[in-house]
C-alpha atoms as a PDB file:
ATOM      1  CA  MET A   1     -64.492 -45.793 122.012  1.00  0.00           C
ATOM      2  CA  ILE A   2     -66.574 -44.426 119.191  1.00  0.00           C
ATOM      3  CA  ASP A   3     -70.142 -43.476 120.084  1.00  0.00           C
ATOM      4  CA  PHE A   4     -72.384 -44.086 117.096  1.00  0.00           C
ATOM      5  CA  ALA A   5     -76.036 -43.330 117.722  1.00  0.00           C
ATOM      6  CA  CYS A   6     -77.037 -45.912 120.307  1.00  0.00           C
ATOM      7  CA  ARG A   7     -73.814 -47.847 120.695  1.00  0.00           C
ATOM      8  CA  GLU A   8     -70.134 -47.419 121.498  1.00  0.00           C
ATOM      9  CA  PHE A   9     -67.458 -49.261 119.545  1.00  0.00           C
ATOM     10  CA  LYS A  10     -63.882 -50.006 120.492  1.00  0.00           C
ATOM     11  CA  ILE A  11     -61.517 -48.969 117.713  1.00  0.00           C
ATOM     12  CA  GLU A  12     -60.240 -52.563 117.600  1.00  0.00           C
ATOM     13  CA  ASP A  13     -63.792 -53.752 116.833  1.00  0.00           C
ATOM     14  CA  VAL A  14     -64.096 -51.224 114.004  1.00  0.00           C
ATOM     15  CA  ILE A  15     -60.761 -52.369 112.551  1.00  0.00           C
ATOM     16  CA  LYS A  16     -61.741 -56.042 112.853  1.00  0.00           C
ATOM     17  CA  CYS A  17     -65.111 -55.428 111.208  1.00  0.00           C
ATOM     18  CA  ALA A  18     -63.841 -53.079 108.485  1.00  0.00           C
ATOM     19  CA  LEU A  19     -61.130 -55.521 107.423  1.00  0.00           C
ATOM     20  CA  ASN A  20     -63.347 -58.588 107.966  1.00  0.00           C
ATOM     21  CA  LEU A  21     -60.786 -60.186 110.290  1.00  0.00           C
ATOM     22  CA  THR A  22     -61.112 -63.265 112.439  1.00  0.00           C
ATOM     23  CA  LYS A  23     -59.808 -63.284 115.995  1.00  0.00           C
ATOM     24  CA  ALA A  24     -56.656 -65.064 114.760  1.00  0.00           C
ATOM     25  CA  ASP A  25     -56.193 -62.505 111.962  1.00  0.00           C
ATOM     26  CA  LEU A  26     -56.446 -59.703 114.509  1.00  0.00           C
ATOM     27  CA  ASN A  27     -53.908 -61.406 116.788  1.00  0.00           C
ATOM     28  CA  VAL A  28     -51.475 -61.727 113.882  1.00  0.00           C
ATOM     29  CA  MET A  29     -51.987 -58.083 112.979  1.00  0.00           C
ATOM     30  CA  LYS A  30     -51.402 -57.015 116.604  1.00  0.00           C
ATOM     31  CA  TYR A  31     -48.167 -59.014 116.677  1.00  0.00           C
ATOM     32  CA  PHE A  32     -46.893 -57.108 113.671  1.00  0.00           C
ATOM     33  CA  LEU A  33     -48.072 -53.762 115.085  1.00  0.00           C
ATOM     34  CA  ASN A  34     -45.968 -54.466 118.180  1.00  0.00           C
ATOM     35  CA  GLU A  35     -42.955 -55.302 115.953  1.00  0.00           C
ATOM     36  CA  PRO A  36     -43.300 -52.734 113.139  1.00  0.00           C
ATOM     37  CA  GLU A  37     -39.748 -53.042 111.804  1.00  0.00           C
ATOM     38  CA  LYS A  38     -39.460 -56.829 112.024  1.00  0.00           C
ATOM     39  CA  TRP A  39     -39.716 -59.223 109.065  1.00  0.00           C
ATOM     40  CA  VAL A  40     -41.158 -62.592 110.171  1.00  0.00           C
ATOM     41  CA  ASP A  41     -41.909 -65.903 108.458  1.00  0.00           C
ATOM     42  CA  THR A  42     -45.055 -67.905 109.180  1.00  0.00           C
ATOM     43  CA  ASP A  43     -43.181 -70.628 111.087  1.00  0.00           C
ATOM     44  CA  ALA A  44     -41.687 -68.165 113.588  1.00  0.00           C
ATOM     45  CA  LEU A  45     -45.014 -66.363 113.847  1.00  0.00           C
ATOM     46  CA  SER A  46     -46.829 -69.632 114.511  1.00  0.00           C
ATOM     47  CA  LYS A  47     -44.448 -70.420 117.361  1.00  0.00           C
ATOM     48  CA  SER A  48     -44.580 -66.909 118.834  1.00  0.00           C
ATOM     49  CA  LEU A  49     -48.374 -66.810 118.848  1.00  0.00           C
ATOM     50  CA  ASP A  50     -48.860 -70.500 119.659  1.00  0.00           C
ATOM     51  CA  LEU A  51     -51.172 -70.875 116.676  1.00  0.00           C
ATOM     52  CA  ASP A  52     -51.379 -73.670 114.141  1.00  0.00           C
ATOM     53  CA  ILE A  53     -49.228 -72.988 111.093  1.00  0.00           C
ATOM     54  CA  SER A  54     -52.205 -73.254 108.724  1.00  0.00           C
ATOM     55  CA  THR A  55     -54.094 -70.626 110.754  1.00  0.00           C
ATOM     56  CA  VAL A  56     -51.117 -68.271 110.565  1.00  0.00           C
ATOM     57  CA  GLN A  57     -50.698 -68.896 106.834  1.00  0.00           C
ATOM     58  CA  ARG A  58     -54.366 -68.055 106.201  1.00  0.00           C
ATOM     59  CA  SER A  59     -54.090 -64.909 108.313  1.00  0.00           C
ATOM     60  CA  VAL A  60     -50.942 -63.555 106.673  1.00  0.00           C
ATOM     61  CA  LYS A  61     -52.386 -64.328 103.238  1.00  0.00           C
ATOM     62  CA  LYS A  62     -55.540 -62.362 104.053  1.00  0.00           C
ATOM     63  CA  LEU A  63     -53.600 -59.482 105.627  1.00  0.00           C
ATOM     64  CA  HIS A  64     -51.258 -59.355 102.638  1.00  0.00           C
ATOM     65  CA  GLU A  65     -54.180 -59.336 100.182  1.00  0.00           C
ATOM     66  CA  LYS A  66     -55.745 -56.450 102.125  1.00  0.00           C
ATOM     67  CA  GLU A  67     -52.388 -54.608 101.931  1.00  0.00           C
ATOM     68  CA  ILE A  68     -51.897 -54.644 105.706  1.00  0.00           C
ATOM     69  CA  LEU A  69     -48.730 -56.743 105.427  1.00  0.00           C
ATOM     70  CA  GLN A  70     -45.811 -56.463 103.030  1.00  0.00           C
ATOM     71  CA  ARG A  71     -44.309 -59.691 101.710  1.00  0.00           C
ATOM     72  CA  SER A  72     -40.759 -60.408 100.621  1.00  0.00           C
ATOM     73  CA  GLN A  73     -39.122 -63.560  99.307  1.00  0.00           C
ATOM     74  CA  GLN A  74     -36.078 -64.842 101.178  1.00  0.00           C
ATOM     75  CA  ASN A  75     -33.988 -67.340  99.233  1.00  0.00           C
ATOM     76  CA  LEU A  76     -32.628 -70.278 101.237  1.00  0.00           C
ATOM     77  CA  ASP A  77     -28.996 -71.411 101.042  1.00  0.00           C
ATOM     78  CA  GLY A  78     -29.899 -74.972 100.056  1.00  0.00           C
ATOM     79  CA  GLY A  79     -32.360 -73.835  97.409  1.00  0.00           C
ATOM     80  CA  GLY A  80     -35.953 -72.817  97.643  1.00  0.00           C
ATOM     81  CA  TYR A  81     -37.361 -69.806  99.423  1.00  0.00           C
ATOM     82  CA  ILE A  82     -39.712 -68.650 102.139  1.00  0.00           C
ATOM     83  CA  PHE A  83     -41.897 -65.586 102.363  1.00  0.00           C
ATOM     84  CA  ILE A  84     -41.338 -63.115 105.169  1.00  0.00           C
ATOM     85  CA  TYR A  85     -43.812 -60.465 106.251  1.00  0.00           C
ATOM     86  CA  LYS A  86     -43.770 -57.013 107.778  1.00  0.00           C
ATOM     87  CA  ILE A  87     -46.602 -54.618 108.545  1.00  0.00           C
ATOM     88  CA  HIS A  88     -47.253 -51.521 106.471  1.00  0.00           C
ATOM     89  CA  SER A  89     -47.302 -48.181 108.268  1.00  0.00           C
ATOM     90  CA  LYS A  90     -50.180 -47.329 110.580  1.00  0.00           C
ATOM     91  CA  ASN A  91     -50.902 -44.382 108.307  1.00  0.00           C
ATOM     92  CA  LYS A  92     -51.412 -46.681 105.299  1.00  0.00           C
ATOM     93  CA  ILE A  93     -53.625 -49.012 107.361  1.00  0.00           C
ATOM     94  CA  LYS A  94     -55.616 -46.031 108.683  1.00  0.00           C
ATOM     95  CA  ASN A  95     -56.227 -44.860 105.097  1.00  0.00           C
ATOM     96  CA  ILE A  96     -57.411 -48.332 104.025  1.00  0.00           C
ATOM     97  CA  ILE A  97     -59.860 -48.473 106.943  1.00  0.00           C
ATOM     98  CA  GLN A  98     -61.082 -44.913 106.357  1.00  0.00           C
ATOM     99  CA  LYS A  99     -61.893 -45.767 102.719  1.00  0.00           C
ATOM    100  CA  ILE A 100     -63.888 -48.795 103.849  1.00  0.00           C
ATOM    101  CA  VAL A 101     -65.777 -46.819 106.492  1.00  0.00           C
ATOM    102  CA  GLN A 102     -66.460 -44.051 103.955  1.00  0.00           C
ATOM    103  CA  SER A 103     -67.928 -46.634 101.578  1.00  0.00           C
ATOM    104  CA  TRP A 104     -70.227 -47.776 104.421  1.00  0.00           C
ATOM    105  CA  ALA A 105     -71.317 -44.166 104.955  1.00  0.00           C
ATOM    106  CA  ASP A 106     -71.928 -43.739 101.213  1.00  0.00           C
ATOM    107  CA  ARG A 107     -74.057 -46.896 101.098  1.00  0.00           C
ATOM    108  CA  LEU A 108     -75.970 -45.735 104.168  1.00  0.00           C
ATOM    109  CA  GLY A 109     -76.672 -42.437 102.412  1.00  0.00           C
ATOM    110  CA  GLN A 110     -77.995 -44.301  99.365  1.00  0.00           C
ATOM    111  CA  GLU A 111     -80.233 -46.486 101.523  1.00  0.00           C
ATOM    112  CA  LEU A 112     -81.584 -43.452 103.367  1.00  0.00           C
ATOM    113  CA  GLU A 113     -82.359 -41.798 100.013  1.00  0.00           C
ATOM    114  CA  ARG A 114     -84.299 -44.907  98.931  1.00  0.00           C
ATOM    115  CA  TRP A 115     -86.092 -44.993 102.277  1.00  0.00           C
ATOM    116  CA  GLU A 116     -86.955 -41.293 102.035  1.00  0.00           C
ATOM    117  CA  ASN A 117     -88.376 -41.816  98.540  1.00  0.00           C
ATOM    118  CA  GLY A 118     -90.552 -44.733  99.641  1.00  0.00           C
ATOM    119  CA  GLY A 119     -88.271 -47.516  98.421  1.00  0.00           C
END
């Protein structure tokens, strides 16, 4: 837990908030954190998590855009391809979250300056 002024936060809540994740997004991320070396497609992930395929597709898209997941193209024997995903290192994810939290702190500092100066 992180004690900030008048409230404690679970680290999972900070991660969810910092990355603007839904509950489903967080569940997908946790799956990958538990399988850090595994490449997975959205169909297999949907079945493993018992989530609708469209929910999983939205989540992996968001996590990929936020650079939490890596994506690779796997060509199929009969033509076509699928994307497979794997999580980036915890260190990389930690750095992404720390930058976001630092930007919050910077904005808070700016707001306090305005407040101090009567704005």
